[in-house]
């Protein structure tokens, strides 16, 4: 009969058991690797979800672009106009600072 040693407590166990008979920790290496791979994939998935998840403004603009509701379209146009004016003012201020420094 083959035996394997528990990495946690050092007890020798039969290969029939997947868990250590003394401490109860998992000793089947195939299952251990599968669980580690699953945990790693879940962490990567949760990280990619956090990175790719659009914020509320992106969702609003996407909904406004895909709807027939005139109020959504009007609000999106107003918000985009405000953003364009803000962006233009910031560009002018940066140009003025570089012009004054040069």
PDB file of N, CA and C in Angstrom:
ATOM      1  N   UNK A   1       0.835  -1.166   0.000  1.00  0.00           N
ATOM      2  CA  UNK A   1       0.000   0.000   0.000  1.00  0.00           C
ATOM      3  C   UNK A   1       0.889   1.240   0.000  1.00  0.00           C
ATOM      4  N   UNK A   2       0.562   2.199  -0.904  1.00  0.00           N
ATOM      5  CA  UNK A   2       1.321   3.444  -0.992  1.00  0.00           C
ATOM      6  C   UNK A   2       0.863   4.404   0.094  1.00  0.00           C
ATOM      7  N   UNK A   3       1.824   5.213   0.515  1.00  0.00           N
ATOM      8  CA  UNK A   3       1.510   6.205   1.532  1.00  0.00           C
ATOM      9  C   UNK A   3       2.071   7.560   1.107  1.00  0.00           C
ATOM     10  N   UNK A   4       1.466   8.601   1.615  1.00  0.00           N
ATOM     11  CA  UNK A   4       1.980   9.952   1.374  1.00  0.00           C
ATOM     12  C   UNK A   4       1.983  10.705   2.695  1.00  0.00           C
ATOM     13  N   UNK A   5       2.918  11.652   2.759  1.00  0.00           N
ATOM     14  CA  UNK A   5       3.128  12.395   3.996  1.00  0.00           C
ATOM     15  C   UNK A   5       2.358  13.712   3.940  1.00  0.00           C
ATOM     16  N   UNK A   6       1.705  14.053   5.032  1.00  0.00           N
ATOM     17  CA  UNK A   6       0.984  15.321   5.128  1.00  0.00           C
ATOM     18  C   UNK A   6       2.000  16.449   5.286  1.00  0.00           C
ATOM     19  N   UNK A   7       1.876  17.482   4.457  1.00  0.00           N
ATOM     20  CA  UNK A   7       2.801  18.612   4.527  1.00  0.00           C
ATOM     21  C   UNK A   7       2.548  19.480   5.751  1.00  0.00           C
ATOM     22  N   UNK A   8       1.379  19.354   6.336  1.00  0.00           N
ATOM     23  CA  UNK A   8       1.044  20.200   7.465  1.00  0.00           C
ATOM     24  C   UNK A   8       1.531  19.602   8.797  1.00  0.00           C
ATOM     25  N   UNK A   9       1.174  18.348   9.067  1.00  0.00           N
ATOM     26  CA  UNK A   9       1.517  17.756  10.367  1.00  0.00           C
ATOM     27  C   UNK A   9       2.594  16.671  10.288  1.00  0.00           C
ATOM     28  N   UNK A  10       2.924  16.187   9.082  1.00  0.00           N
ATOM     29  CA  UNK A  10       3.975  15.192   8.921  1.00  0.00           C
ATOM     30  C   UNK A  10       3.522  13.751   9.110  1.00  0.00           C
ATOM     31  N   UNK A  11       2.244  13.514   9.249  1.00  0.00           N
ATOM     32  CA  UNK A  11       1.713  12.166   9.434  1.00  0.00           C
ATOM     33  C   UNK A  11       1.653  11.438   8.095  1.00  0.00           C
ATOM     34  N   UNK A  12       2.019  10.138   8.117  1.00  0.00           N
ATOM     35  CA  UNK A  12       1.929   9.319   6.905  1.00  0.00           C
ATOM     36  C   UNK A  12       0.513   8.777   6.784  1.00  0.00           C
ATOM     37  N   UNK A  13      -0.074   8.904   5.592  1.00  0.00           N
ATOM     38  CA  UNK A  13      -1.446   8.475   5.345  1.00  0.00           C
ATOM     39  C   UNK A  13      -1.500   7.568   4.135  1.00  0.00           C
ATOM     40  N   UNK A  14      -2.536   6.777   4.055  1.00  0.00           N
ATOM     41  CA  UNK A  14      -2.764   5.912   2.910  1.00  0.00           C
ATOM     42  C   UNK A  14      -3.180   6.766   1.716  1.00  0.00           C
ATOM     43  N   UNK A  15      -2.840   6.321   0.509  1.00  0.00           N
ATOM     44  CA  UNK A  15      -3.223   7.059  -0.693  1.00  0.00           C
ATOM     45  C   UNK A  15      -4.706   6.947  -0.980  1.00  0.00           C
ATOM     46  N   UNK A  16      -5.391   6.117  -0.246  1.00  0.00           N
ATOM     47  CA  UNK A  16      -6.838   5.969  -0.413  1.00  0.00           C
ATOM     48  C   UNK A  16      -7.548   7.240   0.066  1.00  0.00           C
ATOM     49  N   UNK A  17      -7.004   7.873   1.075  1.00  0.00           N
ATOM     50  CA  UNK A  17      -7.612   9.068   1.668  1.00  0.00           C
ATOM     51  C   UNK A  17      -7.120  10.325   0.955  1.00  0.00           C
ATOM     52  N   UNK A  18      -8.030  11.270   0.770  1.00  0.00           N
ATOM     53  CA  UNK A  18      -7.656  12.563   0.200  1.00  0.00           C
ATOM     54  C   UNK A  18      -7.276  13.566   1.284  1.00  0.00           C
ATOM     55  N   UNK A  19      -7.759  13.337   2.494  1.00  0.00           N
ATOM     56  CA  UNK A  19      -7.445  14.212   3.615  1.00  0.00           C
ATOM     57  C   UNK A  19      -6.589  13.469   4.624  1.00  0.00           C
ATOM     58  N   UNK A  20      -5.799  14.218   5.368  1.00  0.00           N
ATOM     59  CA  UNK A  20      -4.957  13.637   6.415  1.00  0.00           C
ATOM     60  C   UNK A  20      -5.852  13.103   7.529  1.00  0.00           C
ATOM     61  N   UNK A  21      -5.509  11.923   8.014  1.00  0.00           N
ATOM     62  CA  UNK A  21      -6.315  11.319   9.072  1.00  0.00           C
ATOM     63  C   UNK A  21      -6.069  11.991  10.419  1.00  0.00           C
ATOM     64  N   UNK A  22      -4.924  12.677  10.579  1.00  0.00           N
ATOM     65  CA  UNK A  22      -4.608  13.307  11.856  1.00  0.00           C
ATOM     66  C   UNK A  22      -5.135  14.742  11.941  1.00  0.00           C
ATOM     67  N   UNK A  23      -4.834  15.546  10.904  1.00  0.00           N
ATOM     68  CA  UNK A  23      -5.206  16.966  10.995  1.00  0.00           C
ATOM     69  C   UNK A  23      -6.358  17.358  10.073  1.00  0.00           C
ATOM     70  N   UNK A  24      -6.690  16.520   9.115  1.00  0.00           N
ATOM     71  CA  UNK A  24      -7.820  16.792   8.239  1.00  0.00           C
ATOM     72  C   UNK A  24      -7.508  17.663   7.031  1.00  0.00           C
ATOM     73  N   UNK A  25      -6.247  18.056   6.867  1.00  0.00           N
ATOM     74  CA  UNK A  25      -5.868  18.880   5.717  1.00  0.00           C
ATOM     75  C   UNK A  25      -5.848  18.030   4.455  1.00  0.00           C
ATOM     76  N   UNK A  26      -6.047  18.676   3.313  1.00  0.00           N
ATOM     77  CA  UNK A  26      -6.056  17.996   2.032  1.00  0.00           C
ATOM     78  C   UNK A  26      -4.639  17.565   1.663  1.00  0.00           C
ATOM     79  N   UNK A  27      -4.449  16.286   1.287  1.00  0.00           N
ATOM     80  CA  UNK A  27      -3.116  15.803   0.931  1.00  0.00           C
ATOM     81  C   UNK A  27      -3.037  15.278  -0.495  1.00  0.00           C
ATOM     82  N   UNK A  28      -4.169  15.153  -1.170  1.00  0.00           N
ATOM     83  CA  UNK A  28      -4.169  14.698  -2.556  1.00  0.00           C
ATOM     84  C   UNK A  28      -3.645  15.853  -3.425  1.00  0.00           C
ATOM     85  N   UNK A  29      -2.487  15.665  -4.042  1.00  0.00           N
ATOM     86  CA  UNK A  29      -1.829  16.757  -4.754  1.00  0.00           C
ATOM     87  C   UNK A  29      -2.582  17.182  -6.012  1.00  0.00           C
ATOM     88  N   UNK A  30      -3.262  16.256  -6.661  1.00  0.00           N
ATOM     89  CA  UNK A  30      -4.034  16.619  -7.850  1.00  0.00           C
ATOM     90  C   UNK A  30      -5.175  17.571  -7.469  1.00  0.00           C
ATOM     91  N   UNK A  31      -5.837  17.270  -6.378  1.00  0.00           N
ATOM     92  CA  UNK A  31      -6.927  18.131  -5.914  1.00  0.00           C
ATOM     93  C   UNK A  31      -6.369  19.461  -5.421  1.00  0.00           C
ATOM     94  N   UNK A  32      -5.217  19.422  -4.740  1.00  0.00           N
ATOM     95  CA  UNK A  32      -4.579  20.652  -4.270  1.00  0.00           C
ATOM     96  C   UNK A  32      -4.254  21.573  -5.440  1.00  0.00           C
ATOM     97  N   UNK A  33      -3.636  21.019  -6.499  1.00  0.00           N
ATOM     98  CA  UNK A  33      -3.295  21.836  -7.672  1.00  0.00           C
ATOM     99  C   UNK A  33      -4.550  22.396  -8.340  1.00  0.00           C
ATOM    100  N   UNK A  34      -5.598  21.583  -8.424  1.00  0.00           N
ATOM    101  CA  UNK A  34      -6.843  22.046  -9.042  1.00  0.00           C
ATOM    102  C   UNK A  34      -7.461  23.185  -8.231  1.00  0.00           C
ATOM    103  N   UNK A  35      -7.435  23.084  -6.903  1.00  0.00           N
ATOM    104  CA  UNK A  35      -7.979  24.147  -6.064  1.00  0.00           C
ATOM    105  C   UNK A  35      -7.142  25.420  -6.167  1.00  0.00           C
ATOM    106  N   UNK A  36      -5.811  25.276  -6.196  1.00  0.00           N
ATOM    107  CA  UNK A  36      -4.943  26.448  -6.335  1.00  0.00           C
ATOM    108  C   UNK A  36      -5.177  27.136  -7.675  1.00  0.00           C
ATOM    109  N   UNK A  37      -5.346  26.336  -8.736  1.00  0.00           N
ATOM    110  CA  UNK A  37      -5.615  26.905 -10.054  1.00  0.00           C
ATOM    111  C   UNK A  37      -6.954  27.632 -10.063  1.00  0.00           C
ATOM    112  N   UNK A  38      -7.958  27.044  -9.423  1.00  0.00           N
ATOM    113  CA  UNK A  38      -9.287  27.661  -9.357  1.00  0.00           C
ATOM    114  C   UNK A  38      -9.228  28.986  -8.599  1.00  0.00           C
ATOM    115  N   UNK A  39      -8.519  29.023  -7.483  1.00  0.00           N
ATOM    116  CA  UNK A  39      -8.389  30.251  -6.698  1.00  0.00           C
ATOM    117  C   UNK A  39      -7.660  31.315  -7.499  1.00  0.00           C
ATOM    118  N   UNK A  40      -6.603  30.924  -8.211  1.00  0.00           N
ATOM    119  CA  UNK A  40      -5.850  31.875  -9.025  1.00  0.00           C
ATOM    120  C   UNK A  40      -6.722  32.451 -10.140  1.00  0.00           C
ATOM    121  N   UNK A  41      -7.512  31.607 -10.801  1.00  0.00           N
ATOM    122  CA  UNK A  41      -8.396  32.077 -11.867  1.00  0.00           C
ATOM    123  C   UNK A  41      -9.468  33.012 -11.319  1.00  0.00           C
ATOM    124  N   UNK A  42      -9.994  32.724 -10.126  1.00  0.00           N
ATOM    125  CA  UNK A  42     -11.001  33.595  -9.525  1.00  0.00           C
ATOM    126  C   UNK A  42     -10.402  34.955  -9.190  1.00  0.00           C
ATOM    127  N   UNK A  43      -9.170  34.980  -8.689  1.00  0.00           N
ATOM    128  CA  UNK A  43      -8.518  36.250  -8.388  1.00  0.00           C
ATOM    129  C   UNK A  43      -8.285  37.051  -9.661  1.00  0.00           C
ATOM    130  N   UNK A  44      -7.819  36.396 -10.726  1.00  0.00           N
ATOM    131  CA  UNK A  44      -7.594  37.088 -11.987  1.00  0.00           C
ATOM    132  C   UNK A  44      -8.900  37.605 -12.562  1.00  0.00           C
ATOM    133  N   UNK A  45      -9.955  36.821 -12.450  1.00  0.00           N
ATOM    134  CA  UNK A  45     -11.252  37.228 -12.961  1.00  0.00           C
ATOM    135  C   UNK A  45     -11.785  38.425 -12.186  1.00  0.00           C
ATOM    136  N   UNK A  46     -11.662  38.373 -10.866  1.00  0.00           N
ATOM    137  CA  UNK A  46     -12.165  39.492 -10.072  1.00  0.00           C
ATOM    138  C   UNK A  46     -11.351  40.748 -10.342  1.00  0.00           C
ATOM    139  N   UNK A  47     -10.051  40.616 -10.577  1.00  0.00           N
ATOM    140  CA  UNK A  47      -9.215  41.770 -10.900  1.00  0.00           C
ATOM    141  C   UNK A  47      -9.603  42.346 -12.250  1.00  0.00           C
ATOM    142  N   UNK A  48      -9.823  41.475 -13.237  1.00  0.00           N
ATOM    143  CA  UNK A  48     -10.202  41.975 -14.556  1.00  0.00           C
ATOM    144  C   UNK A  48     -11.586  42.606 -14.528  1.00  0.00           C
ATOM    145  N   UNK A  49     -12.489  42.102 -13.674  1.00  0.00           N
ATOM    146  CA  UNK A  49     -13.808  42.716 -13.549  1.00  0.00           C
ATOM    147  C   UNK A  49     -13.705  44.118 -12.970  1.00  0.00           C
ATOM    148  N   UNK A  50     -12.816  44.280 -11.987  1.00  0.00           N
ATOM    149  CA  UNK A  50     -12.659  45.600 -11.404  1.00  0.00           C
ATOM    150  C   UNK A  50     -12.056  46.577 -12.398  1.00  0.00           C
ATOM    151  N   UNK A  51     -11.151  46.117 -13.235  1.00  0.00           N
ATOM    152  CA  UNK A  51     -10.507  47.000 -14.188  1.00  0.00           C
ATOM    153  C   UNK A  51     -11.456  47.378 -15.309  1.00  0.00           C
ATOM    154  N   UNK A  52     -12.220  46.439 -15.827  1.00  0.00           N
ATOM    155  CA  UNK A  52     -13.040  46.667 -17.007  1.00  0.00           C
ATOM    156  C   UNK A  52     -14.440  47.175 -16.694  1.00  0.00           C
ATOM    157  N   UNK A  53     -14.819  47.236 -15.449  1.00  0.00           N
ATOM    158  CA  UNK A  53     -16.178  47.624 -15.104  1.00  0.00           C
ATOM    159  C   UNK A  53     -16.372  49.117 -15.393  1.00  0.00           C
ATOM    160  N   UNK A  54     -17.343  49.462 -16.251  1.00  0.00           N
ATOM    161  CA  UNK A  54     -17.549  50.873 -16.570  1.00  0.00           C
ATOM    162  C   UNK A  54     -18.199  51.621 -15.405  1.00  0.00           C
ATOM    163  N   UNK A  55     -17.873  52.884 -15.284  1.00  0.00           N
ATOM    164  CA  UNK A  55     -18.471  53.664 -14.221  1.00  0.00           C
ATOM    165  C   UNK A  55     -19.861  54.155 -14.631  1.00  0.00           C
ATOM    166  N   UNK A  56     -20.511  54.872 -13.758  1.00  0.00           N
ATOM    167  CA  UNK A  56     -21.910  55.257 -13.977  1.00  0.00           C
ATOM    168  C   UNK A  56     -22.057  56.174 -15.179  1.00  0.00           C
ATOM    169  N   UNK A  57     -21.083  57.049 -15.417  1.00  0.00           N
ATOM    170  CA  UNK A  57     -21.192  57.979 -16.530  1.00  0.00           C
ATOM    171  C   UNK A  57     -21.062  57.259 -17.872  1.00  0.00           C
ATOM    172  N   UNK A  58     -20.158  56.288 -17.950  1.00  0.00           N
ATOM    173  CA  UNK A  58     -20.026  55.497 -19.174  1.00  0.00           C
ATOM    174  C   UNK A  58     -21.302  54.708 -19.449  1.00  0.00           C
ATOM    175  N   UNK A  59     -21.882  54.129 -18.403  1.00  0.00           N
ATOM    176  CA  UNK A  59     -23.135  53.395 -18.579  1.00  0.00           C
ATOM    177  C   UNK A  59     -24.266  54.326 -19.027  1.00  0.00           C
ATOM    178  N   UNK A  60     -24.299  55.552 -18.466  1.00  0.00           N
ATOM    179  CA  UNK A  60     -25.327  56.508 -18.860  1.00  0.00           C
ATOM    180  C   UNK A  60     -25.197  56.885 -20.332  1.00  0.00           C
ATOM    181  N   UNK A  61     -23.970  57.193 -20.768  1.00  0.00           N
ATOM    182  CA  UNK A  61     -23.778  57.577 -22.158  1.00  0.00           C
ATOM    183  C   UNK A  61     -24.102  56.420 -23.104  1.00  0.00           C
ATOM    184  N   UNK A  62     -23.761  55.207 -22.714  1.00  0.00           N
ATOM    185  CA  UNK A  62     -24.091  54.051 -23.549  1.00  0.00           C
ATOM    186  C   UNK A  62     -25.606  53.875 -23.650  1.00  0.00           C
ATOM    187  N   UNK A  63     -26.294  54.056 -22.517  1.00  0.00           N
ATOM    188  CA  UNK A  63     -27.752  53.933 -22.533  1.00  0.00           C
ATOM    189  C   UNK A  63     -28.375  55.055 -23.362  1.00  0.00           C
ATOM    190  N   UNK A  64     -27.825  56.270 -23.251  1.00  0.00           N
ATOM    191  CA  UNK A  64     -28.360  57.398 -24.005  1.00  0.00           C
ATOM    192  C   UNK A  64     -28.144  57.214 -25.502  1.00  0.00           C
ATOM    193  N   UNK A  65     -27.054  56.602 -25.888  1.00  0.00           N
ATOM    194  CA  UNK A  65     -26.792  56.369 -27.312  1.00  0.00           C
ATOM    195  C   UNK A  65     -27.701  55.293 -27.898  1.00  0.00           C
ATOM    196  N   UNK A  66     -28.170  54.373 -27.064  1.00  0.00           N
ATOM    197  CA  UNK A  66     -28.946  53.238 -27.557  1.00  0.00           C
ATOM    198  C   UNK A  66     -30.438  53.345 -27.265  1.00  0.00           C
ATOM    199  N   UNK A  67     -30.924  54.519 -26.870  1.00  0.00           N
ATOM    200  CA  UNK A  67     -32.336  54.654 -26.537  1.00  0.00           C
ATOM    201  C   UNK A  67     -33.033  55.619 -27.495  1.00  0.00           C
ATOM    202  N   UNK A  68     -34.340  55.551 -27.513  1.00  0.00           N
ATOM    203  CA  UNK A  68     -35.131  56.490 -28.302  1.00  0.00           C
ATOM    204  C   UNK A  68     -35.718  57.593 -27.436  1.00  0.00           C
ATOM    205  N   UNK A  69     -35.460  57.559 -26.154  1.00  0.00           N
ATOM    206  CA  UNK A  69     -35.984  58.552 -25.219  1.00  0.00           C
ATOM    207  C   UNK A  69     -35.283  59.892 -25.455  1.00  0.00           C
ATOM    208  N   UNK A  70     -36.044  60.947 -25.818  1.00  0.00           N
ATOM    209  CA  UNK A  70     -35.399  62.236 -26.113  1.00  0.00           C
ATOM    210  C   UNK A  70     -34.782  62.895 -24.884  1.00  0.00           C
ATOM    211  N   UNK A  71     -35.304  62.587 -23.685  1.00  0.00           N
ATOM    212  CA  UNK A  71     -34.750  63.195 -22.478  1.00  0.00           C
ATOM    213  C   UNK A  71     -33.342  62.671 -22.194  1.00  0.00           C
ATOM    214  N   UNK A  72     -33.145  61.376 -22.387  1.00  0.00           N
ATOM    215  CA  UNK A  72     -31.793  60.817 -22.223  1.00  0.00           C
ATOM    216  C   UNK A  72     -30.838  61.421 -23.242  1.00  0.00           C
ATOM    217  N   UNK A  73     -31.285  61.527 -24.478  1.00  0.00           N
ATOM    218  CA  UNK A  73     -30.431  62.073 -25.527  1.00  0.00           C
ATOM    219  C   UNK A  73     -30.099  63.540 -25.250  1.00  0.00           C
ATOM    220  N   UNK A  74     -31.082  64.321 -24.783  1.00  0.00           N
ATOM    221  CA  UNK A  74     -30.856  65.726 -24.458  1.00  0.00           C
ATOM    222  C   UNK A  74     -29.881  65.866 -23.301  1.00  0.00           C
ATOM    223  N   UNK A  75     -30.078  65.075 -22.250  1.00  0.00           N
ATOM    224  CA  UNK A  75     -29.181  65.132 -21.087  1.00  0.00           C
ATOM    225  C   UNK A  75     -27.766  64.738 -21.484  1.00  0.00           C
ATOM    226  N   UNK A  76     -27.616  63.721 -22.308  1.00  0.00           N
ATOM    227  CA  UNK A  76     -26.289  63.303 -22.758  1.00  0.00           C
ATOM    228  C   UNK A  76     -25.637  64.406 -23.584  1.00  0.00           C
ATOM    229  N   UNK A  77     -26.411  65.076 -24.441  1.00  0.00           N
ATOM    230  CA  UNK A  77     -25.866  66.164 -25.255  1.00  0.00           C
ATOM    231  C   UNK A  77     -25.420  67.326 -24.374  1.00  0.00           C
ATOM    232  N   UNK A  78     -26.217  67.638 -23.350  1.00  0.00           N
ATOM    233  CA  UNK A  78     -25.847  68.723 -22.429  1.00  0.00           C
ATOM    234  C   UNK A  78     -24.574  68.375 -21.674  1.00  0.00           C
ATOM    235  N   UNK A  79     -24.499  67.145 -21.149  1.00  0.00           N
ATOM    236  CA  UNK A  79     -23.301  66.736 -20.411  1.00  0.00           C
ATOM    237  C   UNK A  79     -22.066  66.730 -21.300  1.00  0.00           C
ATOM    238  N   UNK A  80     -22.210  66.263 -22.522  1.00  0.00           N
ATOM    239  CA  UNK A  80     -21.067  66.271 -23.439  1.00  0.00           C
ATOM    240  C   UNK A  80     -20.659  67.701 -23.777  1.00  0.00           C
ATOM    241  N   UNK A  81     -21.624  68.608 -23.907  1.00  0.00           N
ATOM    242  CA  UNK A  81     -21.308  70.013 -24.161  1.00  0.00           C
ATOM    243  C   UNK A  81     -20.569  70.649 -22.996  1.00  0.00           C
ATOM    244  N   UNK A  82     -21.031  70.362 -21.775  1.00  0.00           N
ATOM    245  CA  UNK A  82     -20.341  70.882 -20.590  1.00  0.00           C
ATOM    246  C   UNK A  82     -18.916  70.353 -20.540  1.00  0.00           C
ATOM    247  N   UNK A  83     -18.752  69.070 -20.834  1.00  0.00           N
ATOM    248  CA  UNK A  83     -17.416  68.478 -20.827  1.00  0.00           C
ATOM    249  C   UNK A  83     -16.528  69.137 -21.881  1.00  0.00           C
ATOM    250  N   UNK A  84     -17.078  69.416 -23.065  1.00  0.00           N
ATOM    251  CA  UNK A  84     -16.294  70.035 -24.134  1.00  0.00           C
ATOM    252  C   UNK A  84     -15.874  71.447 -23.748  1.00  0.00           C
ATOM    253  N   UNK A  85     -16.767  72.197 -23.127  1.00  0.00           N
ATOM    254  CA  UNK A  85     -16.425  73.558 -22.688  1.00  0.00           C
ATOM    255  C   UNK A  85     -15.345  73.501 -21.607  1.00  0.00           C
ATOM    256  N   UNK A  86     -15.510  72.608 -20.637  1.00  0.00           N
ATOM    257  CA  UNK A  86     -14.505  72.445 -19.578  1.00  0.00           C
ATOM    258  C   UNK A  86     -13.147  72.071 -20.172  1.00  0.00           C
ATOM    259  N   UNK A  87     -13.150  71.129 -21.100  1.00  0.00           N
ATOM    260  CA  UNK A  87     -11.913  70.687 -21.736  1.00  0.00           C
ATOM    261  C   UNK A  87     -11.263  71.854 -22.497  1.00  0.00           C
ATOM    262  N   UNK A  88     -12.075  72.646 -23.190  1.00  0.00           N
ATOM    263  CA  UNK A  88     -11.544  73.797 -23.918  1.00  0.00           C
ATOM    264  C   UNK A  88     -10.931  74.830 -22.996  1.00  0.00           C
ATOM    265  N   UNK A  89     -11.587  75.085 -21.874  1.00  0.00           N
ATOM    266  CA  UNK A  89     -11.037  76.050 -20.905  1.00  0.00           C
ATOM    267  C   UNK A  89      -9.722  75.542 -20.341  1.00  0.00           C
ATOM    268  N   UNK A  90      -9.650  74.257 -20.010  1.00  0.00           N
ATOM    269  CA  UNK A  90      -8.410  73.696 -19.478  1.00  0.00           C
ATOM    270  C   UNK A  90      -7.279  73.768 -20.509  1.00  0.00           C
ATOM    271  N   UNK A  91      -7.605  73.499 -21.771  1.00  0.00           N
ATOM    272  CA  UNK A  91      -6.583  73.610 -22.822  1.00  0.00           C
ATOM    273  C   UNK A  91      -6.097  75.043 -22.967  1.00  0.00           C
ATOM    274  N   UNK A  92      -7.004  76.002 -22.897  1.00  0.00           N
ATOM    275  CA  UNK A  92      -6.614  77.402 -22.990  1.00  0.00           C
ATOM    276  C   UNK A  92      -5.713  77.794 -21.824  1.00  0.00           C
ATOM    277  N   UNK A  93      -6.067  77.361 -20.614  1.00  0.00           N
ATOM    278  CA  UNK A  93      -5.239  77.680 -19.442  1.00  0.00           C
ATOM    279  C   UNK A  93      -3.859  77.070 -19.588  1.00  0.00           C
ATOM    280  N   UNK A  94      -3.780  75.812 -20.041  1.00  0.00           N
ATOM    281  CA  UNK A  94      -2.459  75.190 -20.230  1.00  0.00           C
ATOM    282  C   UNK A  94      -1.676  75.908 -21.310  1.00  0.00           C
ATOM    283  N   UNK A  95      -2.315  76.280 -22.421  1.00  0.00           N
ATOM    284  CA  UNK A  95      -1.622  77.016 -23.480  1.00  0.00           C
ATOM    285  C   UNK A  95      -1.111  78.333 -22.947  1.00  0.00           C
ATOM    286  N   UNK A  96      -1.925  79.041 -22.155  1.00  0.00           N
ATOM    287  CA  UNK A  96      -1.518  80.340 -21.610  1.00  0.00           C
ATOM    288  C   UNK A  96      -0.333  80.195 -20.673  1.00  0.00           C
ATOM    289  N   UNK A  97      -0.339  79.134 -19.844  1.00  0.00           N
ATOM    290  CA  UNK A  97       0.778  78.909 -18.907  1.00  0.00           C
ATOM    291  C   UNK A  97       2.054  78.638 -19.699  1.00  0.00           C
ATOM    292  N   UNK A  98       1.993  77.784 -20.720  1.00  0.00           N
ATOM    293  CA  UNK A  98       3.179  77.499 -21.520  1.00  0.00           C
ATOM    294  C   UNK A  98       3.630  78.722 -22.301  1.00  0.00           C
ATOM    295  N   UNK A  99       2.691  79.538 -22.776  1.00  0.00           N
ATOM    296  CA  UNK A  99       3.031  80.753 -23.517  1.00  0.00           C
ATOM    297  C   UNK A  99       3.717  81.762 -22.592  1.00  0.00           C
ATOM    298  N   UNK A 100       3.204  81.896 -21.342  1.00  0.00           N
ATOM    299  CA  UNK A 100       3.778  82.839 -20.399  1.00  0.00           C
ATOM    300  C   UNK A 100       5.141  82.368 -19.900  1.00  0.00           C
ATOM    301  N   UNK A 101       5.336  81.066 -19.799  1.00  0.00           N
ATOM    302  CA  UNK A 101       6.614  80.526 -19.308  1.00  0.00           C
ATOM    303  C   UNK A 101       7.691  80.601 -20.378  1.00  0.00           C
ATOM    304  N   UNK A 102       7.299  80.592 -21.640  1.00  0.00           N
ATOM    305  CA  UNK A 102       8.262  80.515 -22.735  1.00  0.00           C
ATOM    306  C   UNK A 102       8.725  81.843 -23.142  1.00  0.00           C
TER     307      UNK A 102
END
